[in-house]
Amino acid sequence: MRVPPSPADRPSRIGLFLRRQKRLLRPITGLLFLAVLGGAGYISLKIPAVQEQLAPLRDKLLGTSALRVTSIHIDGAQLTSEQSIRDALGVEVGDPVLDFSVSAAREKLDTLPFVDHVTIERHLSGEIDVHITERLPYAVWQHQGHFELIDKQGNRVPDQGMTGKDAEAFTKLPLVVGDGANTSAASLIDIIAQEPDIKARVTAAVRVSDRRWNLTLRDGATVLLPEGEEAPAIHRLAKINATTRLLDRPVLLIDMRLPDRLTIKEKPPASPPPSDAGNNTQDTSAPHKADATKPVSHPVHPAAKEAKKDNPEENPDE
């Protein structure tokens, strides 16, 4: 006859629970061990020395052509050179495509001049697509002896200086000069763009006392525009030039600050060469020629009479 166990020999409730859950504890323990092992491996892979040792194995595993960069497509760049974009990407055709970091490349591209933002797509097929959106400059601003690219609002656009496509921006964009010219240039440039013949002749717009503009033409002539009435004056000048070819004449200054007339100062004629180089005598009996630099007033409208009063505005040579 079997003797029943005494109460002291009976297992505790915890012991009975552990015996019943023994089958579950074994796989949980194994999973915890694998998690610890994986975490330690992940941390060790971040160590540069370990990465250097594993580089040959990684390259061998990624050695198939399907996992390498096959092409790089770049679009949207007008002022940013392709070479500077490729340098920022830091990847070439043939490199492992999984080694290319989209976020790192985007950060480098965002630091380039003219780049406003960029979109990068990496495909496992090996293609990398880069779309650049640039913050295009609107004009070149000269002030205090410096040249700076500005946008339409007058804010400075970072550039890399007079090199590469940056130099093209400096040579192709309109030039505005003087204090306050950057914030007032957009409206004037838009007005000039409406008259292609005038635009083709203007090389610079000079801000005078931060209240009005002078236009410098390619032949050296200066056009004085009225304060706050730039649009009517430029349109009038275009109409006058279309009928009289005024801007083809040897003029030094065109003053348009009065609404009913414009004043023209012409260049003096070239002195003719002496007929006899050996004759040093001068003919004092010949009458003197009229001063060609004397301002001549031309009415804008046929019915407008030439004003006799002095110009109440500032000095024309201002």
Protein backbone atom coordinates (compact mmCIF):
# COMPACT_ATOMS: atom_id res chain seq x y z
CA MET A 1 0.00 0.00 0.00
CA ARG A 2 1.38 3.44 -1.16
CA VAL A 3 1.86 5.98 1.58
CA PRO A 4 0.54 9.44 0.61
CA PRO A 5 3.15 12.22 0.72
CA SER A 6 3.26 14.42 3.68
CA PRO A 7 2.36 18.13 3.34
CA ALA A 8 6.04 19.03 3.70
CA ASP A 9 6.93 17.01 0.56
CA ARG A 10 4.31 18.69 -1.64
CA PRO A 11 5.67 21.37 -4.18
CA SER A 12 4.69 24.95 -3.70
CA ARG A 13 2.22 26.72 -5.93
CA ILE A 14 5.09 28.58 -7.68
CA GLY A 15 6.82 25.33 -8.37
CA LEU A 16 3.66 23.81 -9.80
CA PHE A 17 3.17 26.94 -12.01
CA LEU A 18 6.75 26.80 -13.33
CA ARG A 19 6.41 23.10 -14.11
CA ARG A 20 3.24 23.76 -16.04
CA GLN A 21 4.78 26.76 -17.96
CA LYS A 22 8.09 25.05 -18.67
CA ARG A 23 7.25 24.51 -22.31
CA LEU A 24 6.51 28.24 -22.78
CA LEU A 25 9.53 29.54 -20.89
CA ARG A 26 12.00 27.75 -23.12
CA PRO A 27 11.04 29.52 -26.40
CA ILE A 28 10.70 32.89 -24.61
CA THR A 29 14.19 32.51 -23.19
CA GLY A 30 15.49 31.67 -26.65
CA LEU A 31 13.86 34.75 -28.16
CA LEU A 32 15.34 36.99 -25.47
CA PHE A 33 18.77 35.52 -26.15
CA LEU A 34 18.44 36.13 -29.88
CA ALA A 35 17.27 39.71 -29.27
CA VAL A 36 20.27 40.46 -27.07
CA LEU A 37 22.58 38.88 -29.62
CA GLY A 38 21.03 40.86 -32.50
CA GLY A 39 21.24 44.14 -30.59
CA ALA A 40 24.88 43.58 -29.81
CA GLY A 41 25.55 42.79 -33.46
CA TYR A 42 23.72 45.92 -34.66
CA ILE A 43 25.70 48.11 -32.28
CA SER A 44 28.97 46.51 -33.32
CA LEU A 45 28.17 47.16 -37.02
CA LYS A 46 28.13 50.88 -36.26
CA ILE A 47 31.77 50.79 -35.17
CA PRO A 48 34.00 52.07 -38.04
CA ALA A 49 36.62 49.35 -37.46
CA VAL A 50 34.00 46.61 -37.79
CA GLN A 51 32.53 48.23 -40.91
CA GLU A 52 35.96 48.33 -42.50
CA GLN A 53 36.48 44.62 -41.81
CA LEU A 54 33.06 43.68 -43.17
CA ALA A 55 33.35 45.87 -46.29
CA PRO A 56 34.76 43.08 -48.53
CA LEU A 57 31.97 40.72 -47.50
CA ARG A 58 29.34 43.41 -48.08
CA ASP A 59 30.71 44.20 -51.54
CA LYS A 60 30.69 40.52 -52.39
CA LEU A 61 27.07 40.14 -51.31
CA LEU A 62 26.06 43.27 -53.25
CA GLY A 63 28.12 42.38 -56.29
CA THR A 64 25.20 41.60 -58.60
CA SER A 65 24.43 44.18 -61.31
CA ALA A 66 20.80 44.42 -60.21
CA LEU A 67 21.89 46.04 -56.94
CA ARG A 68 24.23 48.63 -58.45
CA VAL A 69 23.58 52.15 -59.70
CA THR A 70 22.84 51.98 -63.42
CA SER A 71 21.91 55.63 -64.16
CA ILE A 72 21.57 59.06 -62.52
CA HIS A 73 18.95 61.46 -63.92
CA ILE A 74 19.10 65.17 -62.97
CA ASP A 75 16.53 67.77 -64.02
CA GLY A 76 15.42 71.26 -63.02
CA ALA A 77 18.92 72.74 -62.65
CA GLN A 78 19.52 75.94 -64.61
CA LEU A 79 22.20 77.75 -62.63
CA THR A 80 23.56 74.86 -60.59
CA SER A 81 26.22 72.91 -62.48
CA GLU A 82 25.75 69.18 -62.99
CA GLN A 83 29.19 68.47 -61.56
CA SER A 84 28.40 70.20 -58.27
CA ILE A 85 25.18 68.16 -58.04
CA ARG A 86 27.02 64.88 -58.65
CA ASP A 87 29.65 65.81 -56.10
CA ALA A 88 26.92 66.42 -53.52
CA LEU A 89 25.24 63.09 -54.36
CA GLY A 90 28.49 61.24 -53.69
CA VAL A 91 27.57 58.30 -55.91
CA GLU A 92 28.61 57.10 -59.35
CA VAL A 93 27.26 54.59 -61.84
CA GLY A 94 28.41 51.15 -60.73
CA ASP A 95 28.35 51.86 -56.99
CA PRO A 96 26.14 49.67 -54.75
CA VAL A 97 22.70 51.21 -54.83
CA LEU A 98 21.97 50.28 -51.21
CA ASP A 99 25.01 52.27 -50.09
CA PHE A 100 23.45 55.49 -51.41
CA SER A 101 21.84 57.56 -48.64
CA VAL A 102 18.94 59.68 -49.89
CA SER A 103 18.76 61.81 -46.74
CA ALA A 104 22.50 62.55 -46.69
CA ALA A 105 22.49 63.52 -50.38
CA ARG A 106 19.47 65.79 -49.86
CA GLU A 107 21.20 67.61 -47.01
CA LYS A 108 24.29 68.27 -49.13
CA LEU A 109 22.27 69.45 -52.12
CA ASP A 110 20.30 71.87 -49.96
CA THR A 111 23.53 73.69 -49.12
CA LEU A 112 24.31 74.47 -52.78
CA PRO A 113 23.74 78.02 -54.05
CA PHE A 114 20.47 78.64 -55.91
CA VAL A 115 18.96 75.34 -54.65
CA ASP A 116 15.63 75.91 -52.90
CA HIS A 117 14.67 72.28 -52.37
CA VAL A 118 15.37 68.90 -53.96
CA THR A 119 13.55 65.60 -54.49
CA ILE A 120 15.56 62.35 -54.73
CA GLU A 121 14.24 58.90 -55.62
CA ARG A 122 16.30 55.71 -55.36
CA HIS A 123 15.12 52.58 -57.16
CA LEU A 124 16.36 49.06 -56.56
CA SER A 125 16.57 48.71 -60.34
CA GLY A 126 19.63 50.97 -60.08
CA GLU A 127 18.14 54.32 -61.17
CA ILE A 128 18.53 57.50 -59.13
CA ASP A 129 16.26 60.44 -60.03
CA VAL A 130 17.12 63.94 -58.78
CA HIS A 131 14.80 66.91 -59.29
CA ILE A 132 16.21 70.33 -58.40
CA THR A 133 14.03 73.35 -57.65
CA GLU A 134 16.14 76.49 -57.73
CA ARG A 135 15.66 79.90 -56.13
CA LEU A 136 16.39 81.86 -59.29
CA PRO A 137 17.98 85.31 -58.98
CA TYR A 138 16.12 88.23 -60.50
CA ALA A 139 18.82 90.87 -60.83
CA VAL A 140 22.36 91.85 -59.86
CA TRP A 141 22.58 94.53 -57.18
CA GLN A 142 25.67 96.74 -57.01
CA HIS A 143 26.13 98.68 -53.81
CA GLN A 144 29.13 99.80 -51.77
CA GLY A 145 31.46 98.30 -54.34
CA HIS A 146 29.96 94.81 -54.14
CA PHE A 147 27.86 92.76 -56.58
CA GLU A 148 25.15 90.48 -55.21
CA LEU A 149 22.45 88.36 -56.80
CA ILE A 150 18.95 89.18 -55.51
CA ASP A 151 15.53 87.63 -55.96
CA LYS A 152 12.39 89.47 -57.00
CA GLN A 153 11.74 90.58 -53.42
CA GLY A 154 15.24 92.07 -53.16
CA ASN A 155 16.62 89.36 -50.89
CA ARG A 156 20.18 88.16 -51.44
CA VAL A 157 20.59 84.85 -53.28
CA PRO A 158 23.74 82.98 -52.19
CA ASP A 159 26.18 82.34 -55.01
CA GLN A 160 29.61 80.88 -55.58
CA GLY A 161 31.10 84.01 -57.10
CA MET A 162 32.11 84.71 -60.66
CA THR A 163 32.68 81.08 -61.66
CA GLY A 164 30.81 78.63 -63.87
CA LYS A 165 27.11 79.17 -64.27
CA ASP A 166 27.16 81.71 -61.45
CA ALA A 167 29.12 83.98 -63.77
CA GLU A 168 26.42 83.54 -66.42
CA ALA A 169 23.86 84.78 -63.90
CA PHE A 170 25.93 87.90 -63.26
CA THR A 171 26.29 88.67 -66.98
CA LYS A 172 22.74 87.91 -68.13
CA LEU A 173 20.65 89.46 -65.35
CA PRO A 174 19.71 93.16 -65.15
CA LEU A 175 22.04 95.38 -63.10
CA VAL A 176 20.61 97.76 -60.50
CA VAL A 177 22.83 100.19 -58.62
CA GLY A 178 22.52 102.16 -55.41
CA ASP A 179 20.99 102.05 -51.96
CA GLY A 180 17.41 100.82 -52.04
CA ALA A 181 17.72 99.57 -55.61
CA ASN A 182 17.28 95.94 -54.54
CA THR A 183 13.80 96.41 -53.06
CA SER A 184 12.55 98.71 -55.84
CA ALA A 185 14.02 96.96 -58.86
CA ALA A 186 11.25 94.44 -59.61
CA SER A 187 8.61 96.95 -60.74
CA LEU A 188 11.08 98.85 -62.93
CA ILE A 189 12.48 95.70 -64.55
CA ASP A 190 8.96 94.48 -65.32
CA ILE A 191 8.14 97.81 -66.97
CA ILE A 192 11.31 97.78 -69.08
CA ALA A 193 10.57 94.20 -70.17
CA GLN A 194 7.35 95.47 -71.81
CA GLU A 195 9.44 97.52 -74.27
CA PRO A 196 11.93 95.11 -75.94
CA ASP A 197 13.74 97.88 -77.86
CA ILE A 198 14.41 99.81 -74.66
CA LYS A 199 15.34 96.65 -72.76
CA ALA A 200 17.95 95.74 -75.39
CA ARG A 201 19.68 99.10 -74.86
CA VAL A 202 19.64 99.35 -71.05
CA THR A 203 22.75 98.14 -69.25
CA ALA A 204 21.99 99.40 -65.72
CA ALA A 205 19.36 101.15 -63.63
CA VAL A 206 20.73 103.56 -61.03
CA ARG A 207 18.65 104.43 -57.97
CA VAL A 208 18.94 108.15 -57.15
CA SER A 209 18.37 109.16 -53.51
CA ASP A 210 16.18 106.05 -53.12
CA ARG A 211 13.28 107.81 -54.85
CA ARG A 212 13.75 107.74 -58.64
CA TRP A 213 15.76 106.02 -61.42
CA ASN A 214 18.35 106.81 -64.09
CA LEU A 215 18.81 104.37 -66.97
CA THR A 216 22.29 103.84 -68.42
CA LEU A 217 22.25 102.81 -72.10
CA ARG A 218 24.79 100.75 -74.02
CA ASP A 219 26.16 103.76 -75.89
CA GLY A 220 26.78 105.62 -72.62
CA ALA A 221 23.68 107.82 -72.69
CA THR A 222 21.69 108.42 -69.50
CA VAL A 223 17.89 108.62 -69.29
CA LEU A 224 16.50 110.50 -66.28
CA LEU A 225 13.10 109.08 -65.29
CA PRO A 226 10.50 110.97 -63.25
CA GLU A 227 9.80 109.92 -59.68
CA GLY A 228 6.88 107.51 -59.46
CA GLU A 229 6.09 107.84 -63.19
CA GLU A 230 8.54 105.33 -64.63
CA ALA A 231 5.99 103.39 -66.67
CA PRO A 232 4.55 106.34 -68.66
CA ALA A 233 8.04 107.74 -69.27
CA ILE A 234 9.45 104.45 -70.58
CA HIS A 235 6.44 103.89 -72.84
CA ARG A 236 6.77 107.46 -74.18
CA LEU A 237 10.45 106.94 -74.82
CA ALA A 238 9.71 103.75 -76.77
CA LYS A 239 7.12 105.55 -78.94
CA ILE A 240 9.45 108.47 -79.62
CA ASN A 241 12.31 106.16 -80.51
CA ALA A 242 10.09 104.14 -82.87
CA THR A 243 9.33 107.26 -84.95
CA THR A 244 12.51 109.35 -84.62
CA ARG A 245 15.22 106.74 -83.81
CA LEU A 246 16.26 109.04 -80.98
CA LEU A 247 18.37 106.41 -79.24
CA ASP A 248 20.44 105.92 -82.39
CA ARG A 249 21.57 109.54 -82.26
CA PRO A 250 24.76 110.59 -80.43
CA VAL A 251 23.07 111.76 -77.23
CA LEU A 252 24.58 112.06 -73.76
CA LEU A 253 21.46 112.67 -71.70
CA ILE A 254 17.69 112.42 -72.05
CA ASP A 255 15.77 114.16 -69.28
CA MET A 256 12.16 112.93 -69.01
CA ARG A 257 11.33 114.30 -65.57
CA LEU A 258 8.86 116.87 -66.91
CA PRO A 259 5.61 115.34 -68.17
CA ASP A 260 5.18 117.67 -71.19
CA ARG A 261 8.66 117.60 -72.69
CA LEU A 262 12.04 115.93 -72.72
CA THR A 263 15.44 117.59 -72.78
CA ILE A 264 18.24 116.13 -74.87
CA LYS A 265 21.95 116.81 -74.51
CA GLU A 266 23.90 115.66 -77.55
CA LYS A 267 27.54 114.65 -77.82
CA PRO A 268 29.90 117.30 -79.26
CA PRO A 269 30.99 116.61 -82.85
CA ALA A 270 34.45 115.21 -83.37
CA SER A 271 37.07 117.85 -84.19
CA PRO A 272 38.19 117.59 -87.86
CA PRO A 273 41.89 116.91 -88.43
CA PRO A 274 44.00 119.96 -89.43
CA SER A 275 44.32 120.38 -93.21
CA ASP A 276 48.02 121.27 -92.97
CA ALA A 277 49.94 119.58 -90.16
CA GLY A 278 52.91 121.90 -90.61
CA ASN A 279 50.85 125.06 -90.37
CA ASN A 280 50.61 126.11 -86.73
CA THR A 281 48.76 129.32 -87.46
CA GLN A 282 45.11 129.54 -86.52
CA ASP A 283 42.40 131.38 -88.38
CA THR A 284 40.97 133.72 -85.79
CA SER A 285 38.53 135.26 -88.24
CA ALA A 286 36.36 132.12 -88.49
CA PRO A 287 33.20 132.31 -86.38
CA HIS A 288 32.91 129.97 -83.41
CA LYS A 289 30.57 126.96 -83.69
CA ALA A 290 27.58 126.65 -81.45
CA ASP A 291 28.04 124.60 -78.32
CA ALA A 292 26.75 121.12 -79.19
CA THR A 293 26.27 120.16 -75.55
CA LYS A 294 23.62 122.79 -75.00
CA PRO A 295 20.34 121.11 -73.95
CA VAL A 296 17.68 121.10 -76.63
CA SER A 297 14.03 120.84 -75.65
CA HIS A 298 11.62 118.73 -77.71
CA PRO A 299 7.88 118.69 -76.97
CA VAL A 300 6.48 115.26 -76.30
CA HIS A 301 3.10 116.09 -77.77
CA PRO A 302 2.62 118.32 -80.89
CA ALA A 303 0.36 120.68 -78.98
CA ALA A 304 2.75 121.09 -76.08
CA LYS A 305 4.69 124.35 -76.18
CA GLU A 306 8.28 124.60 -75.07
CA ALA A 307 8.38 125.68 -71.47
CA LYS A 308 10.36 128.82 -70.77
CA LYS A 309 10.75 128.40 -67.04
CA ASP A 310 13.73 126.64 -65.51
CA ASN A 311 13.52 122.98 -64.52
CA PRO A 312 12.22 122.91 -60.94
CA GLU A 313 13.59 119.41 -60.38
CA GLU A 314 17.04 118.44 -59.23
CA ASN A 315 20.17 118.84 -61.30
CA PRO A 316 19.95 116.71 -64.51
CA ASP A 317 23.42 115.39 -63.85
CA GLU A 318 22.38 114.07 -60.43
